[in-house]
Amino acid sequence: MGDYKKEFARLHDYVEMLKSTNHGTTAVIRTSTNAEPSKEVFMGIYICLEELKTGWLEGCRNIIGFDGAFLKGICKETEGEGLAIMSDMQKLLPNSEMRWCARHIWANWKQTWPGEERRKKFWQCARATFEVYFSKKVDEMDQLGGDIVQDLLKYNKKTWYRTYFKEHSKCDVMENNMCEIFNSWILTARHKSIITMLEEIRIKCMERMNSMREFSRKWVGDISPMDMKMLGDNAQRAAKCEVKFDGETGYEIQDGPYKHIGNDTYLKAYNRFIQPLTSMNLWPKSTLPAIEPPVITAMLGRPKKERRKAADEPKKKFGKGTRIGRQMRYFLCKTLGHNKKECPSTRNQGGSAGTSSIGDETRYDFRCCLVKKLARKTRLGQKMDEENKSTTHTFSTCGVHQQ
């Protein structure tokens, strides 16, 4: 694999092979003849593996995340009953529970109202689980001055904070991290040719499902470690609550009960197996016309491979550190604040310290460093010889040393 035009030409073969090995898989290719009337030019492809689809319906929560997507045709006419849709502030299915990513709202809102204290108050409002607590945090935010609360409440509060989240999805996430993590997960594959990219994503999903099945076999009980940790945290909070029983079926309690996923429900999501595929040269050839690659329009500048970061977001989280804010130190004079070129001792000598000129060429003179290094090795070698002689002498006096 890897041939750009060859993979587009065999895209129909790949789809047929995928359907024959993974029964029930949905795969649709969209082409157009507008660019070249006599050829089918690739426009897009949709693939939904049956194993992933069935696992989501049987074992996952009823929430779907969209990242920069929009729905058309039959998808747009779907009502979306019983679903929760998480998006970056888009309106998709009419009858579904709409959730907007709180991080996108905060990114827009902080452009007018920046600051660490405002950021803390925003997330306290977003994580509020009942109306009274939300109103309390809004009043605390209002004390920061200005129209800060009015600008925040312009966003529909039923879509971004937990007080108004419905219970049918059994999911209280406020951010669209699911899509962001998946996009980062397949980032390397997205820069490859079409079939190589699709195969790499399919194999990653296949290995992921297998690793999650293996992970479930290591559980101590029927509840996952993540849910056990959540249950333990909630138990500590519940221990501080005062519970009063009315004698029949009612209780007065500060926090309601939490439901957790058991082992059987967990395995339903990963109990399907994605089937492997043979190499491209073993696929049967389709009778459909070959697909041509799309016409690539050259854009200005270099293509961006990383997402655009906010102005106040750290540019680098790991790797080699930046030199900004550091003080330089010249290794010969051991003085902070200058390098070899600006060293005062170099100016007094009328040349560059540690260098020697031969004609028009200049080279670094490391003779002093080499001499010091050789002297250090010589001292180390002499010390080791003395230790060996003392050890041999000790063995000889004890009658252990053999000639």
Protein backbone atom coordinates (compact mmCIF):
# COMPACT_ATOMS: atom_id res chain seq x y z
CA MET A 1 0.00 0.00 0.00
CA GLY A 2 0.97 3.62 -0.24
CA ASP A 3 0.36 4.32 -3.95
CA TYR A 4 -1.89 7.39 -3.97
CA LYS A 5 -3.73 6.86 -7.29
CA LYS A 6 -3.78 3.07 -7.08
CA GLU A 7 -5.56 3.12 -3.73
CA PHE A 8 -8.27 5.45 -4.98
CA ALA A 9 -8.74 3.20 -8.03
CA ARG A 10 -9.27 0.16 -5.77
CA LEU A 11 -11.51 1.85 -3.22
CA HIS A 12 -14.59 -0.07 -4.46
CA ASP A 13 -12.67 -3.34 -4.00
CA TYR A 14 -11.77 -2.34 -0.45
CA VAL A 15 -15.38 -1.57 0.44
CA GLU A 16 -16.63 -4.88 -0.95
CA MET A 17 -13.91 -6.78 0.91
CA LEU A 18 -14.76 -4.95 4.13
CA LYS A 19 -18.46 -5.83 3.81
CA SER A 20 -17.74 -9.50 3.05
CA THR A 21 -15.47 -9.99 6.10
CA ASN A 22 -17.40 -7.80 8.57
CA HIS A 23 -21.05 -8.60 7.84
CA GLY A 24 -23.49 -5.78 8.49
CA THR A 25 -20.91 -3.04 7.98
CA THR A 26 -22.16 0.14 6.33
CA ALA A 27 -19.83 1.67 3.74
CA VAL A 28 -20.84 4.38 1.26
CA ILE A 29 -18.61 6.14 -1.28
CA ARG A 30 -19.64 9.50 -2.71
CA THR A 31 -18.26 10.53 -6.09
CA SER A 32 -18.89 13.34 -8.56
CA THR A 33 -18.54 13.82 -12.30
CA ASN A 34 -18.65 17.63 -12.20
CA ALA A 35 -14.88 18.06 -12.06
CA GLU A 36 -14.23 15.67 -14.97
CA PRO A 37 -17.36 14.54 -16.90
CA SER A 38 -15.89 11.22 -18.03
CA LYS A 39 -14.48 10.20 -14.64
CA GLU A 40 -15.77 9.59 -11.13
CA VAL A 41 -13.85 11.85 -8.78
CA PHE A 42 -13.76 10.99 -5.09
CA MET A 43 -15.79 13.26 -2.80
CA GLY A 44 -16.10 11.35 0.47
CA ILE A 45 -16.54 8.00 2.20
CA TYR A 46 -18.57 6.83 5.20
CA ILE A 47 -17.75 3.59 7.06
CA CYS A 48 -19.47 2.19 10.16
CA LEU A 49 -18.24 -1.23 11.28
CA GLU A 50 -21.02 -3.53 12.45
CA GLU A 51 -19.05 -4.60 15.53
CA LEU A 52 -18.60 -1.01 16.73
CA LYS A 53 -22.20 -0.11 15.94
CA THR A 54 -23.64 -3.11 17.82
CA GLY A 55 -21.28 -2.59 20.75
CA TRP A 56 -22.39 1.03 21.08
CA LEU A 57 -26.10 0.13 20.96
CA GLU A 58 -25.82 -2.67 23.52
CA GLY A 59 -23.19 -1.47 25.97
CA CYS A 60 -22.55 2.27 25.68
CA ARG A 61 -24.37 5.35 26.88
CA ASN A 62 -26.71 7.10 24.45
CA ILE A 63 -24.49 10.07 23.68
CA ILE A 64 -22.76 10.98 20.41
CA GLY A 65 -20.08 13.62 19.94
CA PHE A 66 -19.70 15.69 16.77
CA ASP A 67 -16.64 17.76 15.94
CA GLY A 68 -17.15 20.34 13.19
CA ALA A 69 -19.80 18.16 11.51
CA PHE A 70 -23.25 18.80 10.09
CA LEU A 71 -26.04 16.45 9.03
CA LYS A 72 -27.88 16.35 5.71
CA GLY A 73 -30.59 14.30 4.02
CA ILE A 74 -32.00 11.34 5.94
CA CYS A 75 -29.78 12.05 8.94
CA LYS A 76 -31.19 15.56 9.25
CA GLU A 77 -34.75 14.20 9.22
CA THR A 78 -34.01 11.81 12.13
CA GLU A 79 -35.73 13.00 15.30
CA GLY A 80 -33.03 11.81 17.71
CA GLU A 81 -35.33 10.63 20.50
CA GLY A 82 -33.40 9.25 23.47
CA LEU A 83 -30.05 10.60 22.29
CA ALA A 84 -27.72 13.20 23.76
CA ILE A 85 -25.69 15.12 21.15
CA MET A 86 -22.45 16.82 22.19
CA SER A 87 -21.14 19.37 19.68
CA ASP A 88 -19.14 22.57 19.41
CA MET A 89 -22.20 24.83 19.73
CA GLN A 90 -24.16 23.40 16.78
CA LYS A 91 -27.83 22.47 16.45
CA LEU A 92 -28.24 19.01 14.91
CA LEU A 93 -31.17 16.66 15.74
CA PRO A 94 -34.36 18.49 16.78
CA ASN A 95 -35.70 16.10 19.46
CA SER A 96 -32.39 15.04 20.98
CA GLU A 97 -30.81 16.47 24.11
CA MET A 98 -28.45 19.16 22.86
CA ARG A 99 -25.21 19.74 24.76
CA TRP A 100 -22.63 22.35 23.90
CA CYS A 101 -19.02 21.83 24.78
CA ALA A 102 -18.30 23.94 27.87
CA ARG A 103 -14.69 24.38 26.81
CA HIS A 104 -15.77 26.02 23.54
CA ILE A 105 -18.08 28.36 25.46
CA TRP A 106 -15.30 29.24 27.88
CA ALA A 107 -12.85 29.85 24.99
CA ASN A 108 -15.25 32.40 23.47
CA TRP A 109 -16.31 33.96 26.78
CA LYS A 110 -12.76 34.42 28.14
CA GLN A 111 -11.82 36.64 25.20
CA THR A 112 -13.95 39.35 26.83
CA TRP A 113 -13.51 38.25 30.43
CA PRO A 114 -10.04 36.76 30.97
CA GLY A 115 -8.47 36.00 34.33
CA GLU A 116 -7.86 33.05 36.64
CA GLU A 117 -10.60 33.95 39.11
CA ARG A 118 -13.20 34.23 36.34
CA ARG A 119 -12.07 30.88 34.96
CA LYS A 120 -12.60 29.18 38.33
CA LYS A 121 -16.07 30.69 38.71
CA PHE A 122 -17.05 29.62 35.20
CA TRP A 123 -16.22 25.95 35.82
CA GLN A 124 -17.91 26.04 39.21
CA CYS A 125 -21.07 27.18 37.46
CA ALA A 126 -20.73 24.54 34.75
CA ARG A 127 -20.29 21.71 37.29
CA ALA A 128 -23.27 22.75 39.42
CA THR A 129 -25.65 19.82 39.91
CA PHE A 130 -28.69 21.71 41.23
CA GLU A 131 -30.24 25.12 40.63
CA VAL A 132 -29.60 26.67 44.05
CA TYR A 133 -25.86 25.94 43.89
CA PHE A 134 -25.72 27.34 40.35
CA SER A 135 -27.44 30.57 41.45
CA LYS A 136 -24.99 30.90 44.32
CA LYS A 137 -21.98 30.65 42.02
CA VAL A 138 -23.53 33.08 39.54
CA ASP A 139 -23.97 35.62 42.35
CA GLU A 140 -20.32 35.16 43.34
CA MET A 141 -19.30 35.72 39.72
CA ASP A 142 -21.44 38.85 39.53
CA GLN A 143 -19.34 40.39 42.30
CA LEU A 144 -16.35 40.42 39.93
CA GLY A 145 -17.97 43.44 38.24
CA GLY A 146 -19.12 44.43 34.78
CA ASP A 147 -21.62 42.58 32.61
CA ILE A 148 -19.81 39.29 33.15
CA VAL A 149 -22.96 37.33 34.11
CA GLN A 150 -25.08 38.81 31.32
CA ASP A 151 -22.49 37.80 28.74
CA LEU A 152 -22.35 34.26 30.15
CA LEU A 153 -26.11 33.75 30.29
CA LYS A 154 -26.38 34.63 26.57
CA TYR A 155 -25.51 30.98 26.01
CA ASN A 156 -28.44 28.63 26.55
CA LYS A 157 -27.83 27.36 30.08
CA LYS A 158 -29.74 24.13 29.41
CA THR A 159 -26.98 23.02 27.05
CA TRP A 160 -23.78 23.49 29.02
CA TYR A 161 -24.18 22.99 32.76
CA ARG A 162 -25.16 19.84 34.63
CA THR A 163 -28.28 21.08 36.39
CA TYR A 164 -30.37 20.72 33.23
CA PHE A 165 -28.78 17.52 31.86
CA LYS A 166 -31.35 14.76 31.33
CA GLU A 167 -30.96 11.38 33.01
CA HIS A 168 -31.69 9.02 30.08
CA SER A 169 -28.12 9.15 28.74
CA LYS A 170 -26.59 8.46 32.20
CA CYS A 171 -23.67 10.69 31.22
CA ASP A 172 -22.71 14.02 32.81
CA VAL A 173 -19.81 15.08 30.54
CA MET A 174 -19.68 18.79 29.70
CA GLU A 175 -16.80 18.77 27.20
CA ASN A 176 -16.43 17.23 23.77
CA ASN A 177 -13.18 15.50 24.72
CA MET A 178 -14.34 12.24 23.15
CA CYS A 179 -13.99 13.64 19.64
CA GLU A 180 -10.82 15.57 20.46
CA ILE A 181 -9.11 12.44 21.82
CA PHE A 182 -10.21 10.35 18.83
CA ASN A 183 -8.92 12.97 16.38
CA SER A 184 -5.58 12.98 18.19
CA TRP A 185 -5.58 9.17 18.23
CA ILE A 186 -5.85 8.91 14.43
CA LEU A 187 -3.72 11.97 13.64
CA THR A 188 -0.81 9.96 12.21
CA ALA A 189 -3.08 7.88 9.97
CA ARG A 190 -4.86 10.93 8.55
CA HIS A 191 -1.73 12.03 6.68
CA LYS A 192 -1.51 8.77 4.70
CA SER A 193 -3.17 7.62 1.46
CA ILE A 194 -6.83 6.64 1.56
CA ILE A 195 -6.81 2.84 2.00
CA THR A 196 -3.69 2.89 4.18
CA MET A 197 -5.43 5.42 6.42
CA LEU A 198 -8.67 3.41 6.64
CA GLU A 199 -6.81 0.18 7.35
CA GLU A 200 -4.70 1.76 10.06
CA ILE A 201 -7.81 3.13 11.78
CA ARG A 202 -9.60 -0.25 11.50
CA ILE A 203 -6.61 -2.09 13.01
CA LYS A 204 -6.35 0.46 15.84
CA CYS A 205 -10.05 -0.09 16.64
CA MET A 206 -9.63 -3.87 16.47
CA GLU A 207 -6.66 -3.81 18.86
CA ARG A 208 -8.43 -1.33 21.13
CA MET A 209 -11.46 -3.61 21.55
CA ASN A 210 -9.20 -6.57 22.29
CA SER A 211 -7.24 -4.60 24.90
CA MET A 212 -10.46 -3.48 26.61
CA ARG A 213 -11.68 -7.10 26.78
CA GLU A 214 -8.36 -8.11 28.36
CA PHE A 215 -8.66 -5.20 30.77
CA SER A 216 -12.10 -6.39 31.96
CA ARG A 217 -10.68 -9.82 32.84
CA LYS A 218 -8.37 -8.19 35.40
CA TRP A 219 -11.20 -6.67 37.40
CA VAL A 220 -11.52 -7.78 41.00
CA GLY A 221 -15.32 -7.69 40.94
CA ASP A 222 -18.14 -6.88 38.54
CA ILE A 223 -17.54 -3.12 38.70
CA SER A 224 -14.76 -1.42 36.75
CA PRO A 225 -11.89 0.26 38.67
CA MET A 226 -12.96 3.69 37.39
CA ASP A 227 -16.50 3.21 38.73
CA MET A 228 -15.15 1.81 42.00
CA LYS A 229 -13.09 4.97 42.45
CA MET A 230 -16.15 7.13 41.72
CA LEU A 231 -18.20 5.02 44.12
CA GLY A 232 -15.56 5.44 46.83
CA ASP A 233 -15.44 9.22 46.33
CA ASN A 234 -19.22 9.45 46.50
CA ALA A 235 -19.27 7.22 49.59
CA GLN A 236 -16.98 9.67 51.37
CA ARG A 237 -19.30 12.52 50.42
CA ALA A 238 -22.38 10.51 51.45
CA ALA A 239 -20.83 9.76 54.84
CA LYS A 240 -21.10 13.46 55.62
CA CYS A 241 -24.77 13.62 54.60
CA GLU A 242 -27.63 13.41 57.03
CA VAL A 243 -30.27 10.90 55.98
CA LYS A 244 -33.79 10.94 57.44
CA PHE A 245 -36.35 8.19 56.72
CA ASP A 246 -40.08 8.97 56.63
CA GLY A 247 -41.07 5.43 57.70
CA GLU A 248 -42.42 4.34 54.30
CA THR A 249 -40.45 4.88 51.06
CA GLY A 250 -39.22 8.43 51.28
CA TYR A 251 -35.86 9.82 52.37
CA GLU A 252 -34.44 13.25 52.94
CA ILE A 253 -30.91 13.16 51.62
CA GLN A 254 -28.56 15.75 50.20
CA ASP A 255 -27.29 13.74 47.18
CA GLY A 256 -29.26 11.20 45.16
CA PRO A 257 -28.10 7.64 44.30
CA TYR A 258 -25.52 6.91 41.59
CA LYS A 259 -25.81 4.07 39.11
CA HIS A 260 -22.67 2.35 37.85
CA ILE A 261 -21.91 0.08 34.91
CA GLY A 262 -21.55 -3.60 35.76
CA ASN A 263 -19.26 -6.12 34.06
CA ASP A 264 -22.00 -7.63 31.88
CA THR A 265 -22.98 -4.25 30.42
CA TYR A 266 -19.34 -3.30 29.93
CA LEU A 267 -18.60 -6.46 27.93
CA LYS A 268 -21.57 -5.85 25.63
CA ALA A 269 -19.70 -2.82 24.23
CA TYR A 270 -16.56 -4.86 23.45
CA ASN A 271 -17.99 -8.37 22.93
CA ARG A 272 -17.86 -8.08 19.11
CA PHE A 273 -14.80 -8.92 17.05
CA ILE A 274 -13.60 -6.90 14.05
CA GLN A 275 -12.45 -9.32 11.36
CA PRO A 276 -9.04 -9.00 9.63
CA LEU A 277 -8.51 -8.34 5.92
CA THR A 278 -6.10 -9.77 3.36
CA SER A 279 -3.59 -7.64 1.43
CA MET A 280 -4.68 -5.56 -1.55
CA ASN A 281 -3.31 -7.92 -4.21
CA LEU A 282 -5.67 -10.69 -2.98
CA TRP A 283 -8.87 -8.64 -3.20
CA PRO A 284 -11.38 -9.50 -5.97
CA LYS A 285 -11.71 -6.74 -8.54
CA SER A 286 -14.97 -4.82 -8.63
CA THR A 287 -16.92 -4.24 -11.84
CA LEU A 288 -17.60 -0.63 -10.86
CA PRO A 289 -15.58 2.09 -12.60
CA ALA A 290 -12.31 3.11 -10.98
CA ILE A 291 -12.36 6.18 -8.73
CA GLU A 292 -10.04 9.06 -9.48
CA PRO A 293 -8.39 11.02 -6.64
CA PRO A 294 -9.88 14.45 -5.91
CA VAL A 295 -8.47 17.53 -7.54
CA ILE A 296 -6.13 19.15 -5.03
CA THR A 297 -6.18 22.92 -4.95
CA ALA A 298 -2.85 24.38 -3.85
CA MET A 299 -3.32 26.65 -0.85
CA LEU A 300 -1.04 29.37 0.38
CA GLY A 301 1.41 28.48 3.12
CA ARG A 302 2.40 25.18 4.66
CA PRO A 303 -0.44 22.82 5.70
CA LYS A 304 -1.07 22.84 9.45
CA LYS A 305 -0.85 19.49 11.22
CA GLU A 306 -1.62 20.70 14.73
CA ARG A 307 -4.69 22.45 16.07
CA ARG A 308 -4.63 26.17 16.69
CA LYS A 309 -3.93 26.94 20.33
CA ALA A 310 -5.32 29.87 22.28
CA ALA A 311 -3.12 32.82 23.12
CA ASP A 312 -2.98 31.95 26.82
CA GLU A 313 -2.55 28.21 26.26
CA PRO A 314 0.94 26.78 26.87
CA LYS A 315 2.70 26.19 23.58
CA LYS A 316 4.76 23.25 24.76
CA LYS A 317 3.95 20.64 27.39
CA PHE A 318 6.95 18.34 27.07
CA GLY A 319 10.20 17.93 25.17
CA LYS A 320 13.14 20.31 24.92
CA GLY A 321 12.65 23.45 26.99
CA THR A 322 12.74 26.94 25.60
CA ARG A 323 15.66 29.34 26.09
CA ILE A 324 13.39 32.27 26.82
CA GLY A 325 14.15 33.66 30.28
CA ARG A 326 17.40 31.74 30.70
CA GLN A 327 20.76 33.35 31.45
CA MET A 328 23.66 32.21 29.28
CA ARG A 329 26.93 31.11 30.82
CA TYR A 330 30.31 30.98 29.05
CA PHE A 331 31.99 27.66 29.87
CA LEU A 332 35.54 29.06 30.07
CA CYS A 333 35.10 31.99 32.45
CA LYS A 334 32.02 30.45 34.20
CA THR A 335 30.32 33.86 34.33
CA LEU A 336 26.59 34.46 33.78
CA GLY A 337 25.24 37.03 31.36
CA HIS A 338 27.40 36.61 28.24
CA ASN A 339 28.67 34.10 25.71
CA LYS A 340 32.06 33.56 24.07
CA LYS A 341 31.67 36.51 21.71
CA GLU A 342 30.87 39.01 24.49
CA CYS A 343 33.37 37.68 27.07
CA PRO A 344 35.50 40.54 28.58
CA SER A 345 38.61 38.34 28.69
CA THR A 346 38.27 37.76 24.95
CA ARG A 347 38.17 41.50 24.25
CA ASN A 348 41.28 42.11 26.36
CA GLN A 349 43.21 39.49 24.39
CA GLY A 350 42.03 41.04 21.11
CA GLY A 351 40.59 37.81 19.75
CA SER A 352 38.11 35.03 20.41
CA ALA A 353 38.80 32.99 23.49
CA GLY A 354 39.30 29.32 22.88
CA THR A 355 39.93 29.78 19.12
CA SER A 356 42.96 29.89 16.87
CA SER A 357 43.15 31.39 13.37
CA ILE A 358 44.93 29.63 10.50
CA GLY A 359 44.82 31.86 7.39
CA ASP A 360 41.19 32.80 6.73
CA GLU A 361 39.80 29.78 8.57
CA THR A 362 38.89 29.71 12.26
CA ARG A 363 38.66 26.53 14.30
CA TYR A 364 37.85 25.69 17.90
CA ASP A 365 40.82 24.81 20.11
CA PHE A 366 39.89 22.06 22.53
CA ARG A 367 43.43 21.17 23.52
CA CYS A 368 42.98 22.34 27.11
CA CYS A 369 39.83 20.29 27.46
CA LEU A 370 41.51 17.21 26.01
CA VAL A 371 44.49 17.56 28.32
CA LYS A 372 42.21 17.82 31.34
CA LYS A 373 40.22 14.81 30.17
CA LEU A 374 43.35 12.69 29.62
CA ALA A 375 44.76 13.73 33.00
CA ARG A 376 41.50 12.72 34.67
CA LYS A 377 41.59 9.31 32.98
CA THR A 378 45.24 8.83 33.97
CA ARG A 379 44.50 9.59 37.61
CA LEU A 380 41.54 7.22 37.53
CA GLY A 381 43.67 4.47 35.98
CA GLN A 382 46.42 4.90 38.58
CA LYS A 383 43.87 4.72 41.37
CA MET A 384 42.42 1.47 39.97
CA ASP A 385 45.91 -0.06 39.67
CA GLU A 386 46.65 0.77 43.29
CA GLU A 387 43.37 -0.83 44.40
CA ASN A 388 44.13 -3.99 42.36
CA LYS A 389 47.64 -4.25 43.89
CA SER A 390 46.27 -3.91 47.43
CA THR A 391 43.63 -6.59 46.73
CA THR A 392 46.25 -8.99 45.29
CA HIS A 393 48.51 -8.42 48.29
CA THR A 394 45.65 -9.22 50.68
CA PHE A 395 44.85 -12.48 48.88
CA SER A 396 48.55 -13.50 48.90
CA THR A 397 48.93 -13.02 52.66
CA CYS A 398 45.82 -15.16 53.24
CA GLY A 399 47.14 -17.99 51.09
CA VAL A 400 44.39 -17.61 48.52
CA HIS A 401 46.39 -16.04 45.72
CA GLN A 402 47.53 -18.53 43.08
CA GLN A 403 50.51 -18.01 40.81
